[in-house]
Full PDB file with SEQRES, HELIX, SHEET, SSBOND, CRYST1, ORIGX, SCALE, CONECT and MASTER records, all heavy atoms in Angstrom:
SEQRES   1 A   34  ASP ARG GLN GLU LEU LYS LEU SER ASP ALA PHE LEU MET          
SEQRES   2 A   34  PRO LYS GLU GLY TYR GLU TRP THR ALA HIS MET LEU ASN          
SEQRES   3 A   34  ILE ASN ALA GLY GLY ASN GLN ASN                              
HELIX    1 AA1 LEU A    7  ALA A   10  5                                   4    
SHEET    1 AA1 2 ARG A   2  LYS A   6  0                                        
SHEET    2 AA1 2 THR A  21  LEU A  25 -1                                        
CRYST1    1.000    1.000    1.000  90.00  90.00  90.00 P 1           1          
ORIGX1      1.000000  0.000000  0.000000        0.00000                         
ORIGX2      0.000000  1.000000  0.000000        0.00000                         
ORIGX3      0.000000  0.000000  1.000000        0.00000                         
SCALE1      1.000000  0.000000  0.000000        0.00000                         
SCALE2      0.000000  1.000000  0.000000        0.00000                         
SCALE3      0.000000  0.000000  1.000000        0.00000                         
ATOM      1  N   ASP A   1     123.282  41.345  93.836  1.00  0.00           N  
ATOM      2  CA  ASP A   1     121.789  41.576  93.777  1.00  0.00           C  
ATOM      3  C   ASP A   1     121.376  42.986  94.162  1.00  0.00           C  
ATOM      4  O   ASP A   1     120.421  43.484  93.666  1.00  0.00           O  
ATOM      5  CB  ASP A   1     121.148  40.559  94.691  1.00  0.00           C  
ATOM      6  CG  ASP A   1     120.804  39.240  94.126  1.00  0.00           C  
ATOM      7  OD1 ASP A   1     121.354  39.023  92.944  1.00  0.00           O  
ATOM      8  OD2 ASP A   1     120.192  38.339  94.611  1.00  0.00           O  
ATOM      9  N   ARG A   2     122.067  43.556  95.152  1.00  0.00           N  
ATOM     10  CA  ARG A   2     121.761  44.922  95.654  1.00  0.00           C  
ATOM     11  C   ARG A   2     123.074  45.638  95.992  1.00  0.00           C  
ATOM     12  O   ARG A   2     123.929  45.013  96.642  1.00  0.00           O  
ATOM     13  CB  ARG A   2     120.809  44.701  96.863  1.00  0.00           C  
ATOM     14  CG  ARG A   2     120.348  46.097  97.358  1.00  0.00           C  
ATOM     15  CD  ARG A   2     119.315  46.005  98.417  1.00  0.00           C  
ATOM     16  NE  ARG A   2     118.832  47.284  98.932  1.00  0.00           N  
ATOM     17  CZ  ARG A   2     117.624  47.675  99.058  1.00  0.00           C  
ATOM     18  NH1 ARG A   2     116.703  46.863  98.572  1.00  0.00           N  
ATOM     19  NH2 ARG A   2     117.344  48.891  99.462  1.00  0.00           N  
ATOM     20  N   GLN A   3     123.138  46.790  95.722  1.00  0.00           N  
ATOM     21  CA  GLN A   3     124.148  47.744  96.146  1.00  0.00           C  
ATOM     22  C   GLN A   3     123.539  49.010  96.529  1.00  0.00           C  
ATOM     23  O   GLN A   3     122.543  49.638  95.989  1.00  0.00           O  
ATOM     24  CB  GLN A   3     125.145  48.069  94.924  1.00  0.00           C  
ATOM     25  CG  GLN A   3     125.869  46.888  94.402  1.00  0.00           C  
ATOM     26  CD  GLN A   3     126.900  47.369  93.296  1.00  0.00           C  
ATOM     27  OE1 GLN A   3     127.918  47.974  93.651  1.00  0.00           O  
ATOM     28  NE2 GLN A   3     126.539  47.010  92.110  1.00  0.00           N  
ATOM     29  N   GLU A   4     124.067  49.570  97.634  1.00  0.00           N  
ATOM     30  CA  GLU A   4     123.687  50.949  98.076  1.00  0.00           C  
ATOM     31  C   GLU A   4     124.639  51.933  97.692  1.00  0.00           C  
ATOM     32  O   GLU A   4     125.739  52.015  98.242  1.00  0.00           O  
ATOM     33  CB  GLU A   4     123.475  50.930  99.630  1.00  0.00           C  
ATOM     34  CG  GLU A   4     122.555  49.869 100.170  1.00  0.00           C  
ATOM     35  CD  GLU A   4     121.085  50.133  99.753  1.00  0.00           C  
ATOM     36  OE1 GLU A   4     120.629  51.273  99.918  1.00  0.00           O  
ATOM     37  OE2 GLU A   4     120.516  49.232  99.130  1.00  0.00           O  
ATOM     38  N   LEU A   5     124.400  52.605  96.624  1.00  0.00           N  
ATOM     39  CA  LEU A   5     125.330  53.718  96.137  1.00  0.00           C  
ATOM     40  C   LEU A   5     125.092  55.016  96.729  1.00  0.00           C  
ATOM     41  O   LEU A   5     123.999  55.505  96.811  1.00  0.00           O  
ATOM     42  CB  LEU A   5     125.194  53.890  94.621  1.00  0.00           C  
ATOM     43  CG  LEU A   5     125.338  52.557  93.681  1.00  0.00           C  
ATOM     44  CD1 LEU A   5     125.118  52.853  92.346  1.00  0.00           C  
ATOM     45  CD2 LEU A   5     126.626  51.803  94.044  1.00  0.00           C  
ATOM     46  N   LYS A   6     126.220  55.602  97.319  1.00  0.00           N  
ATOM     47  CA  LYS A   6     126.094  56.736  98.161  1.00  0.00           C  
ATOM     48  C   LYS A   6     126.658  57.993  97.527  1.00  0.00           C  
ATOM     49  O   LYS A   6     127.760  57.852  96.946  1.00  0.00           O  
ATOM     50  CB  LYS A   6     126.822  56.492  99.568  1.00  0.00           C  
ATOM     51  CG  LYS A   6     126.340  55.371 100.238  1.00  0.00           C  
ATOM     52  CD  LYS A   6     124.956  55.566 100.956  1.00  0.00           C  
ATOM     53  CE  LYS A   6     124.580  54.539 101.938  1.00  0.00           C  
ATOM     54  NZ  LYS A   6     123.191  54.690 102.447  1.00  0.00           N  
ATOM     55  N   LEU A   7     126.039  59.092  97.567  1.00  0.00           N  
ATOM     56  CA  LEU A   7     126.481  60.335  96.943  1.00  0.00           C  
ATOM     57  C   LEU A   7     127.789  60.678  97.653  1.00  0.00           C  
ATOM     58  O   LEU A   7     128.758  61.215  96.988  1.00  0.00           O  
ATOM     59  CB  LEU A   7     125.418  61.414  97.172  1.00  0.00           C  
ATOM     60  CG  LEU A   7     125.827  62.914  96.667  1.00  0.00           C  
ATOM     61  CD1 LEU A   7     125.915  62.827  95.126  1.00  0.00           C  
ATOM     62  CD2 LEU A   7     124.755  63.927  96.994  1.00  0.00           C  
ATOM     63  N   SER A   8     127.865  60.459  98.969  1.00  0.00           N  
ATOM     64  CA  SER A   8     129.062  60.872  99.740  1.00  0.00           C  
ATOM     65  C   SER A   8     130.406  60.189  99.203  1.00  0.00           C  
ATOM     66  O   SER A   8     131.491  60.785  99.394  1.00  0.00           O  
ATOM     67  CB  SER A   8     128.788  60.637 101.237  1.00  0.00           C  
ATOM     68  OG  SER A   8     128.647  59.206 101.381  1.00  0.00           O  
ATOM     69  N   ASP A   9     130.166  59.096  98.465  1.00  0.00           N  
ATOM     70  CA  ASP A   9     131.446  58.398  97.964  1.00  0.00           C  
ATOM     71  C   ASP A   9     132.188  59.373  96.840  1.00  0.00           C  
ATOM     72  O   ASP A   9     133.331  59.102  96.681  1.00  0.00           O  
ATOM     73  CB  ASP A   9     131.057  57.085  97.328  1.00  0.00           C  
ATOM     74  CG  ASP A   9     130.556  56.183  98.378  1.00  0.00           C  
ATOM     75  OD1 ASP A   9     130.928  56.186  99.537  1.00  0.00           O  
ATOM     76  OD2 ASP A   9     129.911  55.060  98.069  1.00  0.00           O  
ATOM     77  N   ALA A  10     131.341  60.170  96.314  1.00  0.00           N  
ATOM     78  CA  ALA A  10     131.885  61.119  95.312  1.00  0.00           C  
ATOM     79  C   ALA A  10     132.489  62.471  95.844  1.00  0.00           C  
ATOM     80  O   ALA A  10     133.035  63.183  95.113  1.00  0.00           O  
ATOM     81  CB  ALA A  10     130.829  61.498  94.267  1.00  0.00           C  
ATOM     82  N   PHE A  11     132.276  62.737  97.136  1.00  0.00           N  
ATOM     83  CA  PHE A  11     132.769  63.939  97.720  1.00  0.00           C  
ATOM     84  C   PHE A  11     134.407  63.963  97.711  1.00  0.00           C  
ATOM     85  O   PHE A  11     134.994  63.100  98.025  1.00  0.00           O  
ATOM     86  CB  PHE A  11     132.332  63.993  99.213  1.00  0.00           C  
ATOM     87  CG  PHE A  11     130.801  64.171  99.391  1.00  0.00           C  
ATOM     88  CD1 PHE A  11     130.317  64.236 100.695  1.00  0.00           C  
ATOM     89  CD2 PHE A  11     129.953  64.529  98.360  1.00  0.00           C  
ATOM     90  CE1 PHE A  11     128.895  64.389 100.801  1.00  0.00           C  
ATOM     91  CE2 PHE A  11     128.614  64.580  98.521  1.00  0.00           C  
ATOM     92  CZ  PHE A  11     128.113  64.608  99.739  1.00  0.00           C  
ATOM     93  N   LEU A  12     134.820  65.145  97.305  1.00  0.00           N  
ATOM     94  CA  LEU A  12     136.308  65.245  97.354  1.00  0.00           C  
ATOM     95  C   LEU A  12     136.889  65.285  98.725  1.00  0.00           C  
ATOM     96  O   LEU A  12     138.075  65.010  98.911  1.00  0.00           O  
ATOM     97  CB  LEU A  12     136.672  66.599  96.534  1.00  0.00           C  
ATOM     98  CG  LEU A  12     136.362  66.645  95.051  1.00  0.00           C  
ATOM     99  CD1 LEU A  12     136.481  68.025  94.519  1.00  0.00           C  
ATOM    100  CD2 LEU A  12     137.246  65.619  94.366  1.00  0.00           C  
ATOM    101  N   MET A  13     136.005  65.625  99.750  1.00  0.00           N  
ATOM    102  CA  MET A  13     136.447  65.454 101.181  1.00  0.00           C  
ATOM    103  C   MET A  13     135.366  65.056 101.935  1.00  0.00           C  
ATOM    104  O   MET A  13     134.155  65.313 101.619  1.00  0.00           O  
ATOM    105  CB  MET A  13     137.015  66.875 101.677  1.00  0.00           C  
ATOM    106  CG  MET A  13     136.043  67.991 101.581  1.00  0.00           C  
ATOM    107  SD  MET A  13     136.710  69.548 102.442  1.00  0.00           S  
ATOM    108  CE  MET A  13     136.653  68.933 104.146  1.00  0.00           C  
ATOM    109  N   PRO A  14     135.529  64.337 102.967  1.00  0.00           N  
ATOM    110  CA  PRO A  14     134.370  63.858 103.798  1.00  0.00           C  
ATOM    111  C   PRO A  14     133.624  65.034 104.350  1.00  0.00           C  
ATOM    112  O   PRO A  14     134.066  66.162 104.682  1.00  0.00           O  
ATOM    113  CB  PRO A  14     135.046  63.195 105.043  1.00  0.00           C  
ATOM    114  CG  PRO A  14     136.398  62.851 104.521  1.00  0.00           C  
ATOM    115  CD  PRO A  14     136.868  63.885 103.584  1.00  0.00           C  
ATOM    116  N   LYS A  15     132.172  64.861 104.349  1.00  0.00           N  
ATOM    117  CA  LYS A  15     131.356  65.887 104.857  1.00  0.00           C  
ATOM    118  C   LYS A  15     130.074  65.070 105.363  1.00  0.00           C  
ATOM    119  O   LYS A  15     129.203  64.580 104.620  1.00  0.00           O  
ATOM    120  CB  LYS A  15     130.967  66.729 103.638  1.00  0.00           C  
ATOM    121  CG  LYS A  15     130.069  67.990 104.087  1.00  0.00           C  
ATOM    122  CD  LYS A  15     131.011  68.973 104.799  1.00  0.00           C  
ATOM    123  CE  LYS A  15     130.237  70.304 105.113  1.00  0.00           C  
ATOM    124  NZ  LYS A  15     131.059  71.300 105.882  1.00  0.00           N  
ATOM    125  N   GLU A  16     129.885  65.291 106.687  1.00  0.00           N  
ATOM    126  CA  GLU A  16     128.741  64.555 107.255  1.00  0.00           C  
ATOM    127  C   GLU A  16     127.499  65.373 107.100  1.00  0.00           C  
ATOM    128  O   GLU A  16     127.453  66.713 106.929  1.00  0.00           O  
ATOM    129  CB  GLU A  16     128.946  64.328 108.725  1.00  0.00           C  
ATOM    130  CG  GLU A  16     130.099  63.286 108.988  1.00  0.00           C  
ATOM    131  CD  GLU A  16     130.199  63.014 110.463  1.00  0.00           C  
ATOM    132  OE1 GLU A  16     129.448  63.571 111.318  1.00  0.00           O  
ATOM    133  OE2 GLU A  16     131.248  62.297 110.809  1.00  0.00           O  
ATOM    134  N   GLY A  17     126.392  64.799 107.136  1.00  0.00           N  
ATOM    135  CA  GLY A  17     125.027  65.537 107.212  1.00  0.00           C  
ATOM    136  C   GLY A  17     124.467  65.672 105.768  1.00  0.00           C  
ATOM    137  O   GLY A  17     123.360  66.201 105.662  1.00  0.00           O  
ATOM    138  N   TYR A  18     125.237  65.247 104.785  1.00  0.00           N  
ATOM    139  CA  TYR A  18     124.676  65.331 103.408  1.00  0.00           C  
ATOM    140  C   TYR A  18     124.756  63.987 102.647  1.00  0.00           C  
ATOM    141  O   TYR A  18     125.866  63.489 102.462  1.00  0.00           O  
ATOM    142  CB  TYR A  18     125.482  66.395 102.498  1.00  0.00           C  
ATOM    143  CG  TYR A  18     125.352  67.750 103.098  1.00  0.00           C  
ATOM    144  CD1 TYR A  18     126.209  68.272 104.122  1.00  0.00           C  
ATOM    145  CD2 TYR A  18     124.428  68.679 102.687  1.00  0.00           C  
ATOM    146  CE1 TYR A  18     126.257  69.481 104.661  1.00  0.00           C  
ATOM    147  CE2 TYR A  18     124.254  69.888 103.181  1.00  0.00           C  
ATOM    148  CZ  TYR A  18     125.110  70.351 104.272  1.00  0.00           C  
ATOM    149  OH  TYR A  18     125.048  71.629 104.704  1.00  0.00           O  
ATOM    150  N   GLU A  19     123.603  63.403 102.362  1.00  0.00           N  
ATOM    151  CA  GLU A  19     123.653  62.077 101.722  1.00  0.00           C  
ATOM    152  C   GLU A  19     122.455  61.878 100.847  1.00  0.00           C  
ATOM    153  O   GLU A  19     121.419  62.542 100.891  1.00  0.00           O  
ATOM    154  CB  GLU A  19     123.587  61.072 102.892  1.00  0.00           C  
ATOM    155  CG  GLU A  19     123.853  59.621 102.306  1.00  0.00           C  
ATOM    156  CD  GLU A  19     125.282  59.499 101.706  1.00  0.00           C  
ATOM    157  OE1 GLU A  19     125.331  59.769 100.522  1.00  0.00           O  
ATOM    158  OE2 GLU A  19     126.262  59.259 102.404  1.00  0.00           O  
ATOM    159  N   TRP A  20     122.730  61.043  99.756  1.00  0.00           N  
ATOM    160  CA  TRP A  20     121.719  60.587  98.894  1.00  0.00           C  
ATOM    161  C   TRP A  20     122.018  59.268  98.563  1.00  0.00           C  
ATOM    162  O   TRP A  20     123.182  58.937  98.192  1.00  0.00           O  
ATOM    163  CB  TRP A  20     121.599  61.590  97.574  1.00  0.00           C  
ATOM    164  CG  TRP A  20     120.604  61.139  96.636  1.00  0.00           C  
ATOM    165  CD1 TRP A  20     120.854  60.174  95.566  1.00  0.00           C  
ATOM    166  CD2 TRP A  20     119.232  61.565  96.573  1.00  0.00           C  
ATOM    167  NE1 TRP A  20     119.668  60.065  94.807  1.00  0.00           N  
ATOM    168  CE2 TRP A  20     118.614  60.830  95.397  1.00  0.00           C  
ATOM    169  CE3 TRP A  20     118.388  62.297  97.306  1.00  0.00           C  
ATOM    170  CZ2 TRP A  20     117.280  60.913  95.005  1.00  0.00           C  
ATOM    171  CZ3 TRP A  20     117.023  62.493  96.952  1.00  0.00           C  
ATOM    172  CH2 TRP A  20     116.564  61.814  95.835  1.00  0.00           C  
ATOM    173  N   THR A  21     121.075  58.330  98.463  1.00  0.00           N  
ATOM    174  CA  THR A  21     121.289  56.934  98.152  1.00  0.00           C  
ATOM    175  C   THR A  21     120.478  56.445  97.027  1.00  0.00           C  
ATOM    176  O   THR A  21     119.285  56.704  96.749  1.00  0.00           O  
ATOM    177  CB  THR A  21     120.832  56.007  99.444  1.00  0.00           C  
ATOM    178  OG1 THR A  21     121.570  56.463 100.589  1.00  0.00           O  
ATOM    179  CG2 THR A  21     121.233  54.600  99.179  1.00  0.00           C  
ATOM    180  N   ALA A  22     121.270  55.654  96.191  1.00  0.00           N  
ATOM    181  CA  ALA A  22     120.601  54.975  95.000  1.00  0.00           C  
ATOM    182  C   ALA A  22     120.557  53.506  95.329  1.00  0.00           C  
ATOM    183  O   ALA A  22     121.688  52.946  95.530  1.00  0.00           O  
ATOM    184  CB  ALA A  22     121.344  55.221  93.681  1.00  0.00           C  
ATOM    185  N   HIS A  23     119.457  52.929  95.422  1.00  0.00           N  
ATOM    186  CA  HIS A  23     119.352  51.425  95.820  1.00  0.00           C  
ATOM    187  C   HIS A  23     119.457  50.734  94.383  1.00  0.00           C  
ATOM    188  O   HIS A  23     118.448  50.841  93.566  1.00  0.00           O  
ATOM    189  CB  HIS A  23     118.006  51.041  96.420  1.00  0.00           C  
ATOM    190  CG  HIS A  23     117.699  51.926  97.487  1.00  0.00           C  
ATOM    191  ND1 HIS A  23     118.440  52.006  98.755  1.00  0.00           N  
ATOM    192  CD2 HIS A  23     116.720  52.846  97.648  1.00  0.00           C  
ATOM    193  CE1 HIS A  23     117.916  52.795  99.584  1.00  0.00           C  
ATOM    194  NE2 HIS A  23     116.902  53.347  99.020  1.00  0.00           N  
ATOM    195  N   MET A  24     120.598  50.165  94.026  1.00  0.00           N  
ATOM    196  CA  MET A  24     120.684  49.566  92.715  1.00  0.00           C  
ATOM    197  C   MET A  24     120.423  47.986  92.812  1.00  0.00           C  
ATOM    198  O   MET A  24     121.143  47.390  93.498  1.00  0.00           O  
ATOM    199  CB  MET A  24     122.107  49.758  92.198  1.00  0.00           C  
ATOM    200  CG  MET A  24     122.280  49.326  90.632  1.00  0.00           C  
ATOM    201  SD  MET A  24     123.656  49.801  89.854  1.00  0.00           S  
ATOM    202  CE  MET A  24     124.825  48.645  90.487  1.00  0.00           C  
ATOM    203  N   LEU A  25     119.425  47.567  92.068  1.00  0.00           N  
ATOM    204  CA  LEU A  25     119.015  46.111  92.153  1.00  0.00           C  
ATOM    205  C   LEU A  25     119.362  45.489  90.851  1.00  0.00           C  
ATOM    206  O   LEU A  25     119.020  46.044  89.743  1.00  0.00           O  
ATOM    207  CB  LEU A  25     117.451  46.170  92.333  1.00  0.00           C  
ATOM    208  CG  LEU A  25     116.953  46.792  93.619  1.00  0.00           C  
ATOM    209  CD1 LEU A  25     115.502  46.621  93.749  1.00  0.00           C  
ATOM    210  CD2 LEU A  25     117.711  46.301  94.900  1.00  0.00           C  
ATOM    211  N   ASN A  26     120.059  44.280  90.877  1.00  0.00           N  
ATOM    212  CA  ASN A  26     120.388  43.600  89.725  1.00  0.00           C  
ATOM    213  C   ASN A  26     119.059  42.700  89.388  1.00  0.00           C  
ATOM    214  O   ASN A  26     118.648  41.810  90.199  1.00  0.00           O  
ATOM    215  CB  ASN A  26     121.559  42.679  90.014  1.00  0.00           C  
ATOM    216  CG  ASN A  26     122.008  41.983  88.790  1.00  0.00           C  
ATOM    217  OD1 ASN A  26     121.299  41.989  87.838  1.00  0.00           O  
ATOM    218  ND2 ASN A  26     123.175  41.238  88.904  1.00  0.00           N  
ATOM    219  N   ILE A  27     118.391  42.979  88.211  1.00  0.00           N  
ATOM    220  CA  ILE A  27     117.271  42.242  87.878  1.00  0.00           C  
ATOM    221  C   ILE A  27     117.438  41.287  86.788  1.00  0.00           C  
ATOM    222  O   ILE A  27     116.483  40.734  86.088  1.00  0.00           O  
ATOM    223  CB  ILE A  27     116.074  43.222  87.600  1.00  0.00           C  
ATOM    224  CG1 ILE A  27     116.419  44.272  86.338  1.00  0.00           C  
ATOM    225  CG2 ILE A  27     115.655  43.986  88.700  1.00  0.00           C  
ATOM    226  CD1 ILE A  27     115.309  45.053  85.775  1.00  0.00           C  
ATOM    227  N   ASN A  28     118.691  40.994  86.434  1.00  0.00           N  
ATOM    228  CA  ASN A  28     118.965  39.958  85.447  1.00  0.00           C  
ATOM    229  C   ASN A  28     118.298  38.614  85.975  1.00  0.00           C  
ATOM    230  O   ASN A  28     118.124  38.450  87.220  1.00  0.00           O  
ATOM    231  CB  ASN A  28     120.453  39.787  85.192  1.00  0.00           C  
ATOM    232  CG  ASN A  28     120.976  40.765  84.411  1.00  0.00           C  
ATOM    233  OD1 ASN A  28     120.540  40.952  83.193  1.00  0.00           O  
ATOM    234  ND2 ASN A  28     121.882  41.620  84.868  1.00  0.00           N  
ATOM    235  N   ALA A  29     118.054  37.629  85.176  1.00  0.00           N  
ATOM    236  CA  ALA A  29     117.425  36.311  85.456  1.00  0.00           C  
ATOM    237  C   ALA A  29     118.269  35.684  86.577  1.00  0.00           C  
ATOM    238  O   ALA A  29     119.513  35.684  86.526  1.00  0.00           O  
ATOM    239  CB  ALA A  29     117.535  35.357  84.259  1.00  0.00           C  
ATOM    240  N   GLY A  30     117.594  35.462  87.663  1.00  0.00           N  
ATOM    241  CA  GLY A  30     118.247  34.867  88.844  1.00  0.00           C  
ATOM    242  C   GLY A  30     118.527  35.812  89.877  1.00  0.00           C  
ATOM    243  O   GLY A  30     118.804  35.500  91.086  1.00  0.00           O  
ATOM    244  N   GLY A  31     118.535  37.186  89.618  1.00  0.00           N  
ATOM    245  CA  GLY A  31     118.740  38.175  90.556  1.00  0.00           C  
ATOM    246  C   GLY A  31     117.441  38.734  91.180  1.00  0.00           C  
ATOM    247  O   GLY A  31     116.484  38.934  90.447  1.00  0.00           O  
ATOM    248  N   ASN A  32     117.447  38.928  92.491  1.00  0.00           N  
ATOM    249  CA  ASN A  32     116.215  39.506  93.172  1.00  0.00           C  
ATOM    250  C   ASN A  32     114.963  38.775  92.751  1.00  0.00           C  
ATOM    251  O   ASN A  32     113.937  39.364  92.398  1.00  0.00           O  
ATOM    252  CB  ASN A  32     116.101  41.032  92.851  1.00  0.00           C  
ATOM    253  CG  ASN A  32     117.104  41.837  93.578  1.00  0.00           C  
ATOM    254  OD1 ASN A  32     116.992  41.955  94.784  1.00  0.00           O  
ATOM    255  ND2 ASN A  32     118.091  42.276  92.943  1.00  0.00           N  
ATOM    256  N   GLN A  33     115.031  37.502  92.844  1.00  0.00           N  
ATOM    257  CA  GLN A  33     113.938  36.645  92.419  1.00  0.00           C  
ATOM    258  C   GLN A  33     112.699  36.853  93.126  1.00  0.00           C  
ATOM    259  O   GLN A  33     111.511  36.880  92.632  1.00  0.00           O  
ATOM    260  CB  GLN A  33     114.347  35.175  92.549  1.00  0.00           C  
ATOM    261  CG  GLN A  33     113.404  34.188  91.730  1.00  0.00           C  
ATOM    262  CD  GLN A  33     113.417  34.474  90.321  1.00  0.00           C  
ATOM    263  OE1 GLN A  33     114.440  34.819  89.660  1.00  0.00           O  
ATOM    264  NE2 GLN A  33     112.251  34.462  89.663  1.00  0.00           N  
ATOM    265  N   ASN A  34     112.747  37.197  94.553  1.00  0.00           N  
ATOM    266  CA  ASN A  34     111.602  37.391  95.366  1.00  0.00           C  
ATOM    267  C   ASN A  34     110.901  38.597  94.768  1.00  0.00           C  
ATOM    268  O   ASN A  34     109.683  38.753  94.781  1.00  0.00           O  
ATOM    269  CB  ASN A  34     112.012  37.573  96.686  1.00  0.00           C  
ATOM    270  CG  ASN A  34     110.798  37.638  97.672  1.00  0.00           C  
ATOM    271  OD1 ASN A  34     109.889  36.914  97.666  1.00  0.00           O  
ATOM    272  ND2 ASN A  34     110.895  38.745  98.625  1.00  0.00           N  
TER     273      ASN A  34                                                      
MASTER        0    0    0    1    2    0    0    6  272    1    0    3          
END                                                                             
């Protein structure tokens, strides 16, 4: 229903202090009904 996709997951090496988040919501029938 929901995934938090993080920019840092794509970093070639760990680096704190830099982040961007995509909130991915599944809106197919039955998902995120509320």
